[in-house]
Amino acid sequence: MMYLLFVVAVFLLIVLMKAIKIVPQKQVKIIERLGKYHRTAEAGLNTIFPFLDSVRETLDLREQITKIEPQNVITRDNVTMEVDAVIYFAVMDPVRAVYEVQNLRWGIEQLTLSALRNVIGAMDLDHTLSSRDTINGQLRTALDAATQQWGIKVMRIELKNITPPEEIRLTMEKQMTAERTRRAVVTTAEGEKSSAILRAEGQRRRIETGGDSRGRRPGRGAAARGAGRGPGHRDDHQVSRHDRQSRSVPDREELSRVARPDCSGCRQTGIPSL
């Protein structure tokens, strides 16, 4: 009797454990009853009918990350390169994610490879190396449209490495070195040109400044000499010049005597005076 009670207790404990399902946060469980979809168990405590209901799959609703291994891709100008990427996606509809695709991650990887070949195959090498954002946007749009029926949403896709062949890489390095050398030569020539222009302008200003100083030097010396003497003092040069002018210009009285001689004798002789 005791053995039978023990067996019943163990059976009830097993049934209770199968009937109670605890779902963590941001996860869901797909519940099937007799092999058919029954309901979706949300986060928290859930109960099911043992031996009738079963958990088909547990899905994580958080943003998930899938890495794409390096793949060979051919550009429009027939250059083969290796490209790898990282995909960020989230499950929006758990039922579709379970029943619409057999292997969700493998399907996303294959779609990404196809879209990657299509996008890069329409671009040449230079645009592929310089247009990462454009490639990421086109890949995200293509994947989002293709995976919508699977109940997931592609948040973003990022290209990690774009590796061209070794000979292409060496050619690019040589081209970059030549371009930098050309820029250095141009910069040096522009610097020498600017320096020559500045030196010429400096010499011209120095010549102009020297000519102005020589032209103004006598006036400044005379002003200095005039400022050093008193107000009543006259320069020797000015005195001699004044004396010459006084000697050279006759007095008005002398001119009047010469022009008008004494006419006392004219009155006596009857000659009219001037």
C-alpha atoms as a PDB file:
ATOM      1  CA  MET A   1       0.000   0.000   0.000  1.00  0.00           C
ATOM      2  CA  MET A   2       2.737   2.394   0.923  1.00  0.00           C
ATOM      3  CA  TYR A   3       4.561   1.495  -2.278  1.00  0.00           C
ATOM      4  CA  LEU A   4       1.479   2.295  -4.334  1.00  0.00           C
ATOM      5  CA  LEU A   5       1.062   5.671  -2.647  1.00  0.00           C
ATOM      6  CA  PHE A   6       4.699   6.463  -3.342  1.00  0.00           C
ATOM      7  CA  VAL A   7       4.275   5.613  -7.019  1.00  0.00           C
ATOM      8  CA  VAL A   8       1.147   7.781  -7.257  1.00  0.00           C
ATOM      9  CA  ALA A   9       2.945  10.704  -5.596  1.00  0.00           C
ATOM     10  CA  VAL A  10       5.863  10.446  -7.990  1.00  0.00           C
ATOM     11  CA  PHE A  11       3.448  10.314 -10.952  1.00  0.00           C
ATOM     12  CA  LEU A  12       1.584  13.367  -9.757  1.00  0.00           C
ATOM     13  CA  LEU A  13       4.869  15.225  -9.245  1.00  0.00           C
ATOM     14  CA  ILE A  14       5.941  14.403 -12.806  1.00  0.00           C
ATOM     15  CA  VAL A  15       2.581  15.521 -14.184  1.00  0.00           C
ATOM     16  CA  LEU A  16       2.785  18.757 -12.220  1.00  0.00           C
ATOM     17  CA  MET A  17       6.265  19.444 -13.515  1.00  0.00           C
ATOM     18  CA  LYS A  18       5.119  18.860 -17.075  1.00  0.00           C
ATOM     19  CA  ALA A  19       2.028  20.998 -16.629  1.00  0.00           C
ATOM     20  CA  ILE A  20       3.848  24.058 -15.317  1.00  0.00           C
ATOM     21  CA  LYS A  21       6.043  26.016 -17.695  1.00  0.00           C
ATOM     22  CA  ILE A  22       7.945  29.120 -16.641  1.00  0.00           C
ATOM     23  CA  VAL A  23       8.932  31.351 -19.544  1.00  0.00           C
ATOM     24  CA  PRO A  24      11.756  33.899 -19.019  1.00  0.00           C
ATOM     25  CA  GLN A  25      11.433  37.551 -19.968  1.00  0.00           C
ATOM     26  CA  LYS A  26      11.753  38.388 -23.709  1.00  0.00           C
ATOM     27  CA  GLN A  27      11.158  34.766 -24.650  1.00  0.00           C
ATOM     28  CA  VAL A  28       8.138  32.838 -25.909  1.00  0.00           C
ATOM     29  CA  LYS A  29       7.265  29.156 -26.265  1.00  0.00           C
ATOM     30  CA  ILE A  30       5.269  27.697 -29.108  1.00  0.00           C
ATOM     31  CA  ILE A  31       2.722  25.224 -27.622  1.00  0.00           C
ATOM     32  CA  GLU A  32       1.322  22.438 -29.789  1.00  0.00           C
ATOM     33  CA  ARG A  33      -1.587  20.178 -28.918  1.00  0.00           C
ATOM     34  CA  LEU A  34      -1.529  16.788 -30.590  1.00  0.00           C
ATOM     35  CA  GLY A  35       0.983  18.044 -33.121  1.00  0.00           C
ATOM     36  CA  LYS A  36      -0.912  21.202 -34.089  1.00  0.00           C
ATOM     37  CA  TYR A  37      -0.231  24.776 -33.115  1.00  0.00           C
ATOM     38  CA  HIS A  38      -2.266  25.632 -30.047  1.00  0.00           C
ATOM     39  CA  ARG A  39      -0.983  28.891 -28.546  1.00  0.00           C
ATOM     40  CA  THR A  40       2.056  31.002 -27.709  1.00  0.00           C
ATOM     41  CA  ALA A  41       3.189  30.996 -24.091  1.00  0.00           C
ATOM     42  CA  GLU A  42       4.306  34.451 -23.010  1.00  0.00           C
ATOM     43  CA  ALA A  43       6.819  35.365 -20.278  1.00  0.00           C
ATOM     44  CA  GLY A  44       5.769  34.203 -16.801  1.00  0.00           C
ATOM     45  CA  LEU A  45       3.975  31.140 -15.409  1.00  0.00           C
ATOM     46  CA  ASN A  46       2.076  29.017 -17.945  1.00  0.00           C
ATOM     47  CA  THR A  47       0.238  25.717 -17.593  1.00  0.00           C
ATOM     48  CA  ILE A  48      -0.358  23.071 -20.220  1.00  0.00           C
ATOM     49  CA  PHE A  49      -2.062  19.676 -20.345  1.00  0.00           C
ATOM     50  CA  PRO A  50       0.559  16.986 -19.931  1.00  0.00           C
ATOM     51  CA  PHE A  51       0.751  14.297 -22.601  1.00  0.00           C
ATOM     52  CA  LEU A  52      -1.514  16.405 -24.819  1.00  0.00           C
ATOM     53  CA  ASP A  53       0.381  19.670 -25.112  1.00  0.00           C
ATOM     54  CA  SER A  54       4.042  19.958 -25.931  1.00  0.00           C
ATOM     55  CA  VAL A  55       6.548  22.776 -26.437  1.00  0.00           C
ATOM     56  CA  ARG A  56       7.564  22.951 -30.100  1.00  0.00           C
ATOM     57  CA  GLU A  57      10.265  25.631 -29.757  1.00  0.00           C
ATOM     58  CA  THR A  58      11.476  28.439 -27.528  1.00  0.00           C
ATOM     59  CA  LEU A  59      12.252  31.720 -29.290  1.00  0.00           C
ATOM     60  CA  ASP A  60      14.275  34.696 -28.094  1.00  0.00           C
ATOM     61  CA  LEU A  61      12.646  38.047 -28.895  1.00  0.00           C
ATOM     62  CA  ARG A  62      15.779  40.075 -28.283  1.00  0.00           C
ATOM     63  CA  GLU A  63      17.941  41.407 -31.072  1.00  0.00           C
ATOM     64  CA  GLN A  64      20.114  38.608 -32.361  1.00  0.00           C
ATOM     65  CA  ILE A  65      23.426  38.625 -34.196  1.00  0.00           C
ATOM     66  CA  THR A  66      24.499  36.376 -37.043  1.00  0.00           C
ATOM     67  CA  LYS A  67      27.973  36.450 -38.538  1.00  0.00           C
ATOM     68  CA  ILE A  68      28.562  35.861 -42.242  1.00  0.00           C
ATOM     69  CA  GLU A  69      31.879  34.169 -42.927  1.00  0.00           C
ATOM     70  CA  PRO A  70      34.179  35.666 -45.621  1.00  0.00           C
ATOM     71  CA  GLN A  71      32.818  34.995 -49.087  1.00  0.00           C
ATOM     72  CA  ASN A  72      34.249  35.556 -52.560  1.00  0.00           C
ATOM     73  CA  VAL A  73      32.333  38.248 -54.441  1.00  0.00           C
ATOM     74  CA  ILE A  74      32.974  39.520 -57.992  1.00  0.00           C
ATOM     75  CA  THR A  75      32.561  43.227 -58.745  1.00  0.00           C
ATOM     76  CA  ARG A  76      31.311  44.742 -61.999  1.00  0.00           C
ATOM     77  CA  ASP A  77      34.893  45.249 -63.252  1.00  0.00           C
ATOM     78  CA  ASN A  78      35.689  41.525 -62.647  1.00  0.00           C
ATOM     79  CA  VAL A  79      37.683  41.899 -59.442  1.00  0.00           C
ATOM     80  CA  THR A  80      37.276  39.058 -56.942  1.00  0.00           C
ATOM     81  CA  MET A  81      37.337  40.074 -53.294  1.00  0.00           C
ATOM     82  CA  GLU A  82      36.489  38.594 -49.919  1.00  0.00           C
ATOM     83  CA  VAL A  83      33.643  40.160 -47.949  1.00  0.00           C
ATOM     84  CA  ASP A  84      32.226  39.298 -44.540  1.00  0.00           C
ATOM     85  CA  ALA A  85      29.351  40.891 -42.660  1.00  0.00           C
ATOM     86  CA  VAL A  86      27.324  40.900 -39.454  1.00  0.00           C
ATOM     87  CA  ILE A  87      23.504  40.833 -39.396  1.00  0.00           C
ATOM     88  CA  TYR A  88      21.322  42.161 -36.574  1.00  0.00           C
ATOM     89  CA  PHE A  89      17.726  40.935 -36.601  1.00  0.00           C
ATOM     90  CA  ALA A  90      14.800  40.397 -34.248  1.00  0.00           C
ATOM     91  CA  VAL A  91      11.809  38.021 -34.268  1.00  0.00           C
ATOM     92  CA  MET A  92       8.547  39.925 -34.694  1.00  0.00           C
ATOM     93  CA  ASP A  93       6.146  36.994 -35.276  1.00  0.00           C
ATOM     94  CA  PRO A  94       7.183  33.810 -33.446  1.00  0.00           C
ATOM     95  CA  VAL A  95       4.603  31.634 -35.190  1.00  0.00           C
ATOM     96  CA  ARG A  96       5.857  32.516 -38.672  1.00  0.00           C
ATOM     97  CA  ALA A  97       9.474  32.202 -37.558  1.00  0.00           C
ATOM     98  CA  VAL A  98       8.753  28.598 -36.550  1.00  0.00           C
ATOM     99  CA  TYR A  99       6.394  27.408 -39.262  1.00  0.00           C
ATOM    100  CA  GLU A 100       7.392  29.416 -42.341  1.00  0.00           C
ATOM    101  CA  VAL A 101      11.079  28.481 -42.513  1.00  0.00           C
ATOM    102  CA  GLN A 102      12.873  25.305 -41.568  1.00  0.00           C
ATOM    103  CA  ASN A 103      16.111  26.847 -40.280  1.00  0.00           C
ATOM    104  CA  LEU A 104      15.855  30.552 -39.579  1.00  0.00           C
ATOM    105  CA  ARG A 105      19.539  31.431 -39.180  1.00  0.00           C
ATOM    106  CA  TRP A 106      20.675  29.370 -42.148  1.00  0.00           C
ATOM    107  CA  GLY A 107      17.979  30.952 -44.300  1.00  0.00           C
ATOM    108  CA  ILE A 108      19.075  34.467 -43.247  1.00  0.00           C
ATOM    109  CA  GLU A 109      22.702  33.673 -44.064  1.00  0.00           C
ATOM    110  CA  GLN A 110      21.844  32.379 -47.536  1.00  0.00           C
ATOM    111  CA  LEU A 111      19.665  35.379 -48.300  1.00  0.00           C
ATOM    112  CA  THR A 112      22.445  37.687 -47.156  1.00  0.00           C
ATOM    113  CA  LEU A 113      24.996  36.017 -49.425  1.00  0.00           C
ATOM    114  CA  SER A 114      22.673  36.282 -52.427  1.00  0.00           C
ATOM    115  CA  ALA A 115      21.899  39.933 -51.745  1.00  0.00           C
ATOM    116  CA  LEU A 116      25.583  40.673 -51.148  1.00  0.00           C
ATOM    117  CA  ARG A 117      26.581  39.230 -54.513  1.00  0.00           C
ATOM    118  CA  ASN A 118      23.811  41.121 -56.280  1.00  0.00           C
ATOM    119  CA  VAL A 119      24.645  44.496 -54.704  1.00  0.00           C
ATOM    120  CA  ILE A 120      28.422  44.314 -55.057  1.00  0.00           C
ATOM    121  CA  GLY A 121      28.169  42.761 -58.525  1.00  0.00           C
ATOM    122  CA  ALA A 122      26.521  45.981 -59.727  1.00  0.00           C
ATOM    123  CA  MET A 123      29.391  48.184 -58.457  1.00  0.00           C
ATOM    124  CA  ASP A 124      33.028  48.553 -59.456  1.00  0.00           C
ATOM    125  CA  LEU A 125      35.976  48.200 -57.104  1.00  0.00           C
ATOM    126  CA  ASP A 126      36.402  51.875 -56.228  1.00  0.00           C
ATOM    127  CA  HIS A 127      32.716  52.364 -55.394  1.00  0.00           C
ATOM    128  CA  THR A 128      32.681  49.150 -53.378  1.00  0.00           C
ATOM    129  CA  LEU A 129      35.563  50.318 -51.186  1.00  0.00           C
ATOM    130  CA  SER A 130      34.134  53.814 -50.653  1.00  0.00           C
ATOM    131  CA  SER A 131      30.383  53.097 -50.405  1.00  0.00           C
ATOM    132  CA  ARG A 132      29.972  50.928 -47.322  1.00  0.00           C
ATOM    133  CA  ASP A 133      26.941  52.854 -46.104  1.00  0.00           C
ATOM    134  CA  THR A 134      25.233  52.524 -49.484  1.00  0.00           C
ATOM    135  CA  ILE A 135      25.895  48.779 -49.588  1.00  0.00           C
ATOM    136  CA  ASN A 136      24.640  48.350 -46.015  1.00  0.00           C
ATOM    137  CA  GLY A 137      21.430  50.221 -46.810  1.00  0.00           C
ATOM    138  CA  GLN A 138      20.737  48.224 -49.987  1.00  0.00           C
ATOM    139  CA  LEU A 139      21.418  44.923 -48.214  1.00  0.00           C
ATOM    140  CA  ARG A 140      19.125  45.829 -45.340  1.00  0.00           C
ATOM    141  CA  THR A 141      16.301  46.792 -47.718  1.00  0.00           C
ATOM    142  CA  ALA A 142      16.649  43.554 -49.710  1.00  0.00           C
ATOM    143  CA  LEU A 143      16.814  41.324 -46.624  1.00  0.00           C
ATOM    144  CA  ASP A 144      13.964  43.088 -44.869  1.00  0.00           C
ATOM    145  CA  ALA A 145      11.682  42.565 -47.855  1.00  0.00           C
ATOM    146  CA  ALA A 146      12.693  38.890 -48.271  1.00  0.00           C
ATOM    147  CA  THR A 147      12.414  37.923 -44.595  1.00  0.00           C
ATOM    148  CA  GLN A 148       9.137  39.702 -43.877  1.00  0.00           C
ATOM    149  CA  GLN A 149       7.163  36.513 -44.514  1.00  0.00           C
ATOM    150  CA  TRP A 150       9.338  34.737 -41.949  1.00  0.00           C
ATOM    151  CA  GLY A 151       8.183  37.047 -39.189  1.00  0.00           C
ATOM    152  CA  ILE A 152      11.559  38.697 -38.558  1.00  0.00           C
ATOM    153  CA  LYS A 153      12.916  42.180 -39.098  1.00  0.00           C
ATOM    154  CA  VAL A 154      16.488  42.950 -40.125  1.00  0.00           C
ATOM    155  CA  MET A 155      17.607  45.868 -37.956  1.00  0.00           C
ATOM    156  CA  ARG A 156      20.877  46.520 -39.723  1.00  0.00           C
ATOM    157  CA  ILE A 157      23.687  44.817 -41.567  1.00  0.00           C
ATOM    158  CA  GLU A 158      27.324  45.868 -41.388  1.00  0.00           C
ATOM    159  CA  LEU A 159      30.170  44.964 -43.717  1.00  0.00           C
ATOM    160  CA  LYS A 160      33.207  44.111 -41.618  1.00  0.00           C
ATOM    161  CA  ASN A 161      36.052  43.548 -44.074  1.00  0.00           C
ATOM    162  CA  ILE A 162      36.405  44.069 -47.811  1.00  0.00           C
ATOM    163  CA  THR A 163      39.630  42.391 -48.880  1.00  0.00           C
ATOM    164  CA  PRO A 164      40.750  42.836 -52.505  1.00  0.00           C
ATOM    165  CA  PRO A 165      43.401  40.560 -54.076  1.00  0.00           C
ATOM    166  CA  GLU A 166      47.055  41.039 -53.184  1.00  0.00           C
ATOM    167  CA  GLU A 167      48.090  42.509 -56.556  1.00  0.00           C
ATOM    168  CA  ILE A 168      45.200  44.983 -56.452  1.00  0.00           C
ATOM    169  CA  ARG A 169      46.186  45.997 -52.953  1.00  0.00           C
ATOM    170  CA  LEU A 170      49.813  46.586 -53.991  1.00  0.00           C
ATOM    171  CA  THR A 171      48.679  48.658 -56.971  1.00  0.00           C
ATOM    172  CA  MET A 172      46.458  50.768 -54.733  1.00  0.00           C
ATOM    173  CA  GLU A 173      49.324  51.356 -52.321  1.00  0.00           C
ATOM    174  CA  LYS A 174      51.595  52.501 -55.163  1.00  0.00           C
ATOM    175  CA  GLN A 175      48.891  54.800 -56.468  1.00  0.00           C
ATOM    176  CA  MET A 176      48.391  56.258 -53.003  1.00  0.00           C
ATOM    177  CA  THR A 177      52.146  56.807 -52.602  1.00  0.00           C
ATOM    178  CA  ALA A 178      52.360  58.569 -55.976  1.00  0.00           C
ATOM    179  CA  GLU A 179      49.399  60.785 -55.114  1.00  0.00           C
ATOM    180  CA  ARG A 180      50.922  61.783 -51.789  1.00  0.00           C
ATOM    181  CA  THR A 181      54.260  62.535 -53.486  1.00  0.00           C
ATOM    182  CA  ARG A 182      52.482  64.723 -56.036  1.00  0.00           C
ATOM    183  CA  ARG A 183      50.669  66.607 -53.287  1.00  0.00           C
ATOM    184  CA  ALA A 184      53.958  67.154 -51.430  1.00  0.00           C
ATOM    185  CA  VAL A 185      55.624  68.535 -54.575  1.00  0.00           C
ATOM    186  CA  VAL A 186      52.681  70.848 -55.279  1.00  0.00           C
ATOM    187  CA  THR A 187      52.649  72.068 -51.682  1.00  0.00           C
ATOM    188  CA  THR A 188      56.402  72.751 -51.762  1.00  0.00           C
ATOM    189  CA  ALA A 189      56.120  74.657 -55.061  1.00  0.00           C
ATOM    190  CA  GLU A 190      53.246  76.765 -53.743  1.00  0.00           C
ATOM    191  CA  GLY A 191      55.249  77.548 -50.608  1.00  0.00           C
ATOM    192  CA  GLU A 192      58.288  78.625 -52.611  1.00  0.00           C
ATOM    193  CA  LYS A 193      56.082  80.777 -54.859  1.00  0.00           C
ATOM    194  CA  SER A 194      54.463  82.491 -51.877  1.00  0.00           C
ATOM    195  CA  SER A 195      57.878  83.026 -50.277  1.00  0.00           C
ATOM    196  CA  ALA A 196      59.274  84.623 -53.459  1.00  0.00           C
ATOM    197  CA  ILE A 197      56.248  86.926 -53.730  1.00  0.00           C
ATOM    198  CA  LEU A 198      56.600  88.012 -50.111  1.00  0.00           C
ATOM    199  CA  ARG A 199      60.336  88.668 -50.520  1.00  0.00           C
ATOM    200  CA  ALA A 200      59.721  90.770 -53.639  1.00  0.00           C
ATOM    201  CA  GLU A 201      57.037  92.794 -51.867  1.00  0.00           C
ATOM    202  CA  GLY A 202      59.366  93.325 -48.911  1.00  0.00           C
ATOM    203  CA  GLN A 203      62.180  94.598 -51.134  1.00  0.00           C
ATOM    204  CA  ARG A 204      59.792  96.928 -52.981  1.00  0.00           C
ATOM    205  CA  ARG A 205      58.500  98.390 -49.725  1.00  0.00           C
ATOM    206  CA  ARG A 206      62.056  98.768 -48.432  1.00  0.00           C
ATOM    207  CA  ILE A 207      63.064 100.689 -51.585  1.00  0.00           C
ATOM    208  CA  GLU A 208      59.993 102.911 -51.383  1.00  0.00           C
ATOM    209  CA  THR A 209      60.610 103.586 -47.701  1.00  0.00           C
ATOM    210  CA  GLY A 210      64.286 104.440 -48.375  1.00  0.00           C
ATOM    211  CA  GLY A 211      63.368 106.889 -51.196  1.00  0.00           C
ATOM    212  CA  ASP A 212      60.821 108.682 -49.056  1.00  0.00           C
ATOM    213  CA  SER A 213      63.298 109.022 -46.206  1.00  0.00           C
ATOM    214  CA  ARG A 214      65.993 110.508 -48.506  1.00  0.00           C
ATOM    215  CA  GLY A 215      63.504 112.982 -49.979  1.00  0.00           C
ATOM    216  CA  ARG A 216      62.324 114.179 -46.593  1.00  0.00           C
ATOM    217  CA  ARG A 217      65.743 114.359 -44.850  1.00  0.00           C
ATOM    218  CA  PRO A 218      66.697 118.064 -45.746  1.00  0.00           C
ATOM    219  CA  GLY A 219      63.361 119.385 -44.627  1.00  0.00           C
ATOM    220  CA  ARG A 220      63.632 117.562 -41.369  1.00  0.00           C
ATOM    221  CA  GLY A 221      67.202 118.889 -40.881  1.00  0.00           C
ATOM    222  CA  ALA A 222      66.126 122.481 -41.574  1.00  0.00           C
ATOM    223  CA  ALA A 223      63.214 122.138 -39.236  1.00  0.00           C
ATOM    224  CA  ALA A 224      65.526 120.751 -36.600  1.00  0.00           C
ATOM    225  CA  ARG A 225      67.969 123.587 -37.073  1.00  0.00           C
ATOM    226  CA  GLY A 226      65.115 126.099 -36.916  1.00  0.00           C
ATOM    227  CA  ALA A 227      63.757 124.528 -33.801  1.00  0.00           C
ATOM    228  CA  GLY A 228      67.230 124.618 -32.169  1.00  0.00           C
ATOM    229  CA  ARG A 229      67.599 128.395 -32.632  1.00  0.00           C
ATOM    230  CA  GLY A 230      65.744 131.192 -30.935  1.00  0.00           C
ATOM    231  CA  PRO A 231      62.830 133.085 -32.465  1.00  0.00           C
ATOM    232  CA  GLY A 232      64.947 136.183 -33.163  1.00  0.00           C
ATOM    233  CA  HIS A 233      67.893 134.358 -34.670  1.00  0.00           C
ATOM    234  CA  ARG A 234      68.362 134.457 -38.454  1.00  0.00           C
ATOM    235  CA  ASP A 235      70.305 131.927 -40.378  1.00  0.00           C
ATOM    236  CA  ASP A 236      73.524 133.056 -42.127  1.00  0.00           C
ATOM    237  CA  HIS A 237      72.169 131.808 -45.412  1.00  0.00           C
ATOM    238  CA  GLN A 238      68.974 133.764 -44.948  1.00  0.00           C
ATOM    239  CA  VAL A 239      70.938 136.943 -43.991  1.00  0.00           C
ATOM    240  CA  SER A 240      73.199 136.817 -47.052  1.00  0.00           C
ATOM    241  CA  ARG A 241      70.227 136.171 -49.324  1.00  0.00           C
ATOM    242  CA  HIS A 242      68.399 139.161 -47.843  1.00  0.00           C
ATOM    243  CA  ASP A 243      71.449 141.365 -48.333  1.00  0.00           C
ATOM    244  CA  ARG A 244      71.722 140.347 -51.984  1.00  0.00           C
ATOM    245  CA  GLN A 245      68.069 141.088 -52.543  1.00  0.00           C
ATOM    246  CA  SER A 246      68.418 144.478 -50.801  1.00  0.00           C
ATOM    247  CA  ARG A 247      71.427 145.365 -52.965  1.00  0.00           C
ATOM    248  CA  SER A 248      69.935 144.177 -56.182  1.00  0.00           C
ATOM    249  CA  VAL A 249      66.578 145.908 -55.773  1.00  0.00           C
ATOM    250  CA  PRO A 250      66.930 149.767 -55.784  1.00  0.00           C
ATOM    251  CA  ASP A 251      65.084 151.936 -53.347  1.00  0.00           C
ATOM    252  CA  ARG A 252      61.887 153.629 -54.511  1.00  0.00           C
ATOM    253  CA  GLU A 253      63.255 157.098 -53.624  1.00  0.00           C
ATOM    254  CA  GLU A 254      66.295 156.534 -55.843  1.00  0.00           C
ATOM    255  CA  LEU A 255      64.086 155.413 -58.708  1.00  0.00           C
ATOM    256  CA  SER A 256      61.912 158.500 -58.308  1.00  0.00           C
ATOM    257  CA  ARG A 257      64.990 160.799 -58.369  1.00  0.00           C
ATOM    258  CA  VAL A 258      66.299 159.097 -61.472  1.00  0.00           C
ATOM    259  CA  ALA A 259      62.964 159.189 -63.232  1.00  0.00           C
ATOM    260  CA  ARG A 260      62.230 162.783 -62.153  1.00  0.00           C
ATOM    261  CA  PRO A 261      65.339 165.001 -62.232  1.00  0.00           C
ATOM    262  CA  ASP A 262      65.540 168.414 -60.651  1.00  0.00           C
ATOM    263  CA  CYS A 263      63.679 170.852 -62.883  1.00  0.00           C
ATOM    264  CA  SER A 264      64.675 174.102 -61.246  1.00  0.00           C
ATOM    265  CA  GLY A 265      66.717 174.934 -64.317  1.00  0.00           C
ATOM    266  CA  CYS A 266      63.844 173.953 -66.580  1.00  0.00           C
ATOM    267  CA  ARG A 267      61.614 176.566 -65.099  1.00  0.00           C
ATOM    268  CA  GLN A 268      64.194 179.230 -65.751  1.00  0.00           C
ATOM    269  CA  THR A 269      64.764 178.177 -69.377  1.00  0.00           C
ATOM    270  CA  GLY A 270      61.119 177.623 -70.078  1.00  0.00           C
ATOM    271  CA  ILE A 271      61.472 173.872 -70.760  1.00  0.00           C
ATOM    272  CA  PRO A 272      58.490 172.027 -69.420  1.00  0.00           C
ATOM    273  CA  SER A 273      59.244 169.640 -66.659  1.00  0.00           C
ATOM    274  CA  LEU A 274      58.458 165.951 -66.871  1.00  0.00           C
END
